[in-house]
Amino acid sequence: MEPIQVIGLFDARSQLEQARAALLRSHLATDTTIQVVPAYRSQEVHPAKESLKRLWNQVKEALQTELEDVIGTYAEGVRRGGWLLVVTVLPQLADRVRQIMAENGAVDMQRRVADWKAAGWTGFKVGPLPIMQEIDSSPPTCIDESAAQAADDQNLPIRLFDEWTSREIGRISESELKVLQNALEEEGPDDNDYWINPDTIDMLACRPGATPHLIALLGRAVGDNPDGLDIAFQRQGEEIQSLRQTPRMQKGR
């Protein structure tokens, strides 16, 4: 019986590593039958056209398929900040592999794609602009990386924090907060992928209303951390709030 591939998309590298470890412990996979895509994260804020081609080719090579819909769907998941775990296994073991992946946070791809399409996504397109299409017909204009310089933000009303370390990362305007919230909420109300990572910043840079100040601030906050960070915000005189709408933060910073 020929082996098949079982593919899991994870929103966080930590979830993928938990699933990978569980599969290895269960002897359902070995180092030679399991792959992680991408093997690394580019730190480019604005990947060029060739970067998307590399992403497409890397996913195509890992999945060993010529089906463009399948390649494009998983490539889009990676482009949005996700990670693929690809396991080659005998068919009779596939359900157990899927179960372990699900137990460790693999997303429901059917539901995830439905959320993307509801937000206007029409498929993965290799090009210099982000794949997620805007609802209006005008093409998005990306902020040039050279223009994304720091600004004096001391008088801006919204304070941003790294939710897990409580580190303040800067201040933004109400309109910048709206751009940030709208972009992340398009993933779907039940999606937990609210991490700000280099790929998310790239997507934000091409959205209407994004500013060089916002992109520069987020880029500095993420730095060299490919897994990104969770963000909380605070208006003057109000409680600190999570972008996830989960009250993890405490007032009084």
Protein backbone atom coordinates (compact mmCIF):
# COMPACT_ATOMS: atom_id res chain seq x y z
CA MET A 1 0.00 0.00 0.00
CA GLU A 2 1.44 3.37 -1.05
CA PRO A 3 2.04 6.01 1.67
CA ILE A 4 0.02 9.22 1.61
CA GLN A 5 0.61 12.71 2.96
CA VAL A 6 -1.24 14.19 5.92
CA ILE A 7 -0.99 18.00 6.07
CA GLY A 8 -1.67 20.23 9.05
CA LEU A 9 -1.71 24.03 9.12
CA PHE A 10 -0.79 25.64 12.44
CA ASP A 11 -1.10 29.30 13.41
CA ALA A 12 1.91 29.16 15.75
CA ARG A 13 5.26 27.40 15.46
CA SER A 14 4.93 26.29 19.09
CA GLN A 15 1.74 24.35 18.25
CA LEU A 16 3.43 22.70 15.30
CA GLU A 17 6.39 21.65 17.43
CA GLN A 18 4.04 20.10 19.99
CA ALA A 19 2.32 18.09 17.25
CA ARG A 20 5.65 17.10 15.73
CA ALA A 21 6.95 15.87 19.08
CA ALA A 22 3.76 13.89 19.73
CA LEU A 23 3.98 12.21 16.33
CA LEU A 24 7.60 11.26 16.87
CA ARG A 25 6.85 9.89 20.35
CA SER A 26 3.99 7.83 18.92
CA HIS A 27 6.28 6.42 16.22
CA LEU A 28 3.83 7.67 13.60
CA ALA A 29 6.60 9.74 12.02
CA THR A 30 10.36 9.92 11.85
CA ASP A 31 12.72 12.74 11.01
CA THR A 32 12.72 11.48 7.42
CA THR A 33 8.92 11.29 7.03
CA ILE A 34 8.00 14.65 8.54
CA GLN A 35 8.52 18.11 7.04
CA VAL A 36 8.01 21.66 8.30
CA VAL A 37 7.13 24.44 5.85
CA PRO A 38 8.60 26.99 5.84
CA ALA A 39 11.89 25.85 7.28
CA TYR A 40 12.52 29.50 8.22
CA ARG A 41 10.76 32.87 8.16
CA SER A 42 11.95 35.69 5.96
CA GLN A 43 12.42 38.95 7.83
CA GLU A 44 11.47 41.04 4.79
CA VAL A 45 8.70 43.49 5.61
CA HIS A 46 7.70 43.72 1.95
CA PRO A 47 8.58 40.47 0.15
CA ALA A 48 9.21 40.88 -3.54
CA LYS A 49 7.46 38.95 -6.28
CA GLU A 50 10.21 36.35 -6.21
CA SER A 51 9.48 35.69 -2.51
CA LEU A 52 5.94 34.59 -3.29
CA LYS A 53 7.24 32.40 -6.09
CA ARG A 54 9.63 30.77 -3.64
CA LEU A 55 6.76 30.20 -1.22
CA TRP A 56 4.63 28.61 -3.95
CA ASN A 57 7.50 26.36 -5.08
CA GLN A 58 8.39 25.34 -1.53
CA VAL A 59 4.82 24.30 -0.76
CA LYS A 60 4.51 22.54 -4.13
CA GLU A 61 7.71 20.59 -3.53
CA ALA A 62 6.68 19.59 0.00
CA LEU A 63 3.19 18.48 -1.02
CA GLN A 64 4.37 16.66 -4.13
CA THR A 65 1.26 17.59 -6.09
CA GLU A 66 0.41 19.46 -9.27
CA LEU A 67 -3.06 20.46 -8.02
CA GLU A 68 -2.88 24.24 -7.99
CA ASP A 69 -5.91 24.70 -5.73
CA VAL A 70 -4.30 22.53 -3.07
CA ILE A 71 -0.92 24.24 -3.39
CA GLY A 72 -2.51 27.68 -3.36
CA THR A 73 -4.65 27.00 -0.30
CA TYR A 74 -1.75 25.86 1.85
CA ALA A 75 0.57 28.54 0.43
CA GLU A 76 -1.99 31.15 1.48
CA GLY A 77 -2.04 29.70 4.98
CA VAL A 78 1.74 30.04 5.17
CA ARG A 79 1.63 33.53 3.66
CA ARG A 80 -0.72 34.61 6.43
CA GLY A 81 1.79 33.52 9.05
CA GLY A 82 0.99 29.83 9.43
CA TRP A 83 3.20 26.74 9.42
CA LEU A 84 2.68 23.43 7.63
CA LEU A 85 3.44 20.02 9.10
CA VAL A 86 3.57 17.39 6.35
CA VAL A 87 3.72 13.72 7.35
CA THR A 88 4.16 10.81 4.96
CA VAL A 89 2.37 7.80 6.43
CA LEU A 90 0.57 4.58 5.50
CA PRO A 91 -3.15 5.16 4.84
CA GLN A 92 -4.26 3.10 7.85
CA LEU A 93 -2.35 5.45 10.17
CA ALA A 94 -3.55 8.70 8.60
CA ASP A 95 -6.56 9.23 10.89
CA ARG A 96 -4.39 8.92 13.99
CA VAL A 97 -1.94 11.46 12.58
CA ARG A 98 -4.81 13.85 11.84
CA GLN A 99 -6.14 13.38 15.37
CA ILE A 100 -2.80 14.24 16.95
CA MET A 101 -2.47 17.30 14.74
CA ALA A 102 -5.98 18.47 15.69
CA GLU A 103 -5.30 17.90 19.38
CA ASN A 104 -2.29 20.18 19.13
CA GLY A 105 -3.95 23.07 17.32
CA ALA A 106 -4.11 22.26 13.59
CA VAL A 107 -6.74 24.48 12.01
CA ASP A 108 -9.88 23.27 10.29
CA MET A 109 -8.88 24.05 6.71
CA GLN A 110 -12.40 23.87 5.30
CA ARG A 111 -13.60 26.43 7.80
CA ARG A 112 -10.51 28.59 7.45
CA VAL A 113 -10.84 28.79 3.66
CA ALA A 114 -14.53 29.63 4.03
CA ASP A 115 -13.56 32.54 6.31
CA TRP A 116 -10.98 33.77 3.79
CA LYS A 117 -13.50 33.65 0.96
CA ALA A 118 -16.12 35.45 3.06
CA ALA A 119 -13.55 38.24 3.52
CA GLY A 120 -12.95 38.51 -0.23
CA TRP A 121 -10.08 36.08 -0.88
CA THR A 122 -10.19 34.63 -4.39
CA GLY A 123 -7.09 32.47 -4.40
CA PHE A 124 -3.32 32.57 -4.12
CA LYS A 125 -1.78 34.75 -6.83
CA VAL A 126 1.97 34.99 -7.24
CA GLY A 127 2.66 38.70 -7.45
CA PRO A 128 4.17 41.64 -5.57
CA LEU A 129 0.95 42.54 -3.76
CA PRO A 130 -0.69 40.51 -0.99
CA ILE A 131 -2.95 37.69 -2.11
CA MET A 132 -5.99 38.65 -0.05
CA GLN A 133 -8.11 40.86 -2.29
CA GLU A 134 -9.83 44.01 -1.12
CA ILE A 135 -13.60 44.14 -1.46
CA ASP A 136 -13.46 47.31 -3.54
CA SER A 137 -12.11 47.10 -7.06
CA SER A 138 -9.17 49.47 -6.65
CA PRO A 139 -5.81 47.73 -6.15
CA PRO A 140 -4.13 48.22 -2.77
CA THR A 141 -1.04 50.41 -2.59
CA CYS A 142 1.77 49.09 -0.45
CA ILE A 143 3.80 51.36 1.77
CA ASP A 144 7.35 51.50 0.53
CA GLU A 145 9.74 50.06 3.10
CA SER A 146 12.05 53.05 2.76
CA ALA A 147 9.17 55.32 3.77
CA ALA A 148 8.35 53.34 6.92
CA GLN A 149 10.25 55.57 9.30
CA ALA A 150 9.64 56.10 12.97
CA ALA A 151 7.46 59.03 14.02
CA ASP A 152 7.14 61.04 17.23
CA ASP A 153 4.19 59.19 18.71
CA GLN A 154 4.12 60.67 22.21
CA ASN A 155 0.90 62.60 21.56
CA LEU A 156 -1.00 59.70 19.99
CA PRO A 157 -3.88 58.39 22.15
CA ILE A 158 -3.57 54.58 21.90
CA ARG A 159 -0.83 52.74 23.77
CA LEU A 160 0.21 49.32 22.44
CA PHE A 161 1.67 46.51 24.54
CA ASP A 162 3.19 43.11 23.96
CA GLU A 163 0.39 41.19 25.68
CA TRP A 164 2.56 38.45 27.13
CA THR A 165 5.52 40.49 28.40
CA SER A 166 3.58 43.70 29.22
CA ARG A 167 6.23 45.71 27.34
CA GLU A 168 4.90 48.94 25.85
CA ILE A 169 5.81 49.04 22.17
CA GLY A 170 4.55 52.48 21.19
CA ARG A 171 1.50 54.62 20.48
CA ILE A 172 -0.86 54.81 17.53
CA SER A 173 -3.90 56.77 16.44
CA GLU A 174 -7.53 55.63 16.52
CA SER A 175 -7.51 55.24 12.74
CA GLU A 176 -4.36 53.07 12.87
CA LEU A 177 -5.96 50.90 15.55
CA LYS A 178 -9.01 50.47 13.31
CA VAL A 179 -6.82 49.33 10.39
CA LEU A 180 -5.05 46.85 12.66
CA GLN A 181 -8.27 45.42 14.14
CA ASN A 182 -10.09 45.17 10.82
CA ALA A 183 -7.21 43.32 9.14
CA LEU A 184 -6.90 40.73 11.89
CA GLU A 185 -10.63 40.21 12.35
CA GLU A 186 -11.03 39.29 8.69
CA GLU A 187 -9.57 35.89 9.56
CA GLY A 188 -12.94 35.06 11.16
CA PRO A 189 -14.50 35.60 14.60
CA ASP A 190 -13.41 32.20 15.91
CA ASP A 191 -9.86 32.38 14.62
CA ASN A 192 -7.07 32.76 17.17
CA ASP A 193 -4.48 33.90 14.64
CA TYR A 194 -4.02 37.40 16.04
CA TRP A 195 -0.23 37.23 16.10
CA ILE A 196 1.68 40.13 14.60
CA ASN A 197 4.55 38.62 12.63
CA PRO A 198 6.56 39.67 9.56
CA ASP A 199 3.96 38.26 7.16
CA THR A 200 1.13 40.05 8.96
CA ILE A 201 3.06 43.31 8.73
CA ASP A 202 3.50 42.77 5.00
CA MET A 203 -0.25 42.25 4.63
CA LEU A 204 -1.03 45.36 6.71
CA ALA A 205 1.34 47.51 4.66
CA CYS A 206 -0.88 47.09 1.60
CA ARG A 207 -4.18 47.91 3.28
CA PRO A 208 -6.00 51.23 2.83
CA GLY A 209 -5.36 53.42 5.85
CA ALA A 210 -2.06 51.83 6.88
CA THR A 211 0.59 54.40 7.70
CA PRO A 212 4.41 54.31 7.60
CA HIS A 213 4.32 54.99 11.34
CA LEU A 214 2.19 51.92 12.09
CA ILE A 215 4.27 49.63 9.88
CA ALA A 216 7.56 50.89 11.33
CA LEU A 217 6.31 50.54 14.91
CA LEU A 218 5.14 46.95 14.38
CA GLY A 219 8.33 46.05 12.53
CA ARG A 220 10.46 47.27 15.43
CA ALA A 221 8.27 45.45 17.95
CA VAL A 222 8.50 42.11 16.14
CA GLY A 223 12.19 42.49 15.38
CA ASP A 224 13.87 39.15 14.77
CA ASN A 225 11.11 37.09 16.41
CA PRO A 226 9.60 35.01 13.57
CA ASP A 227 6.76 33.79 15.81
CA GLY A 228 5.64 37.37 16.34
CA LEU A 229 3.69 38.71 19.29
CA ASP A 230 0.19 39.29 20.62
CA ILE A 231 -0.87 42.90 21.01
CA ALA A 232 -3.01 44.65 23.60
CA PHE A 233 -4.03 48.31 23.56
CA GLN A 234 -5.17 50.97 25.98
CA ARG A 235 -7.05 54.21 25.54
CA GLN A 236 -6.46 56.94 28.11
CA GLY A 237 -8.52 56.30 31.24
CA GLU A 238 -9.67 52.84 30.11
CA GLU A 239 -8.76 49.24 30.84
CA ILE A 240 -6.11 47.57 28.73
CA GLN A 241 -7.79 45.41 26.09
CA SER A 242 -6.59 42.51 23.97
CA LEU A 243 -7.11 42.50 20.22
CA ARG A 244 -8.54 39.03 20.86
CA GLN A 245 -11.18 40.67 23.07
CA THR A 246 -10.01 38.45 25.93
CA PRO A 247 -9.30 40.41 29.13
CA ARG A 248 -5.83 39.10 30.00
CA MET A 249 -4.26 42.45 30.77
CA GLN A 250 -4.56 44.46 33.96
CA LYS A 251 -5.02 48.19 34.35
CA GLY A 252 -2.37 50.35 36.00
CA ARG A 253 0.71 50.43 33.74
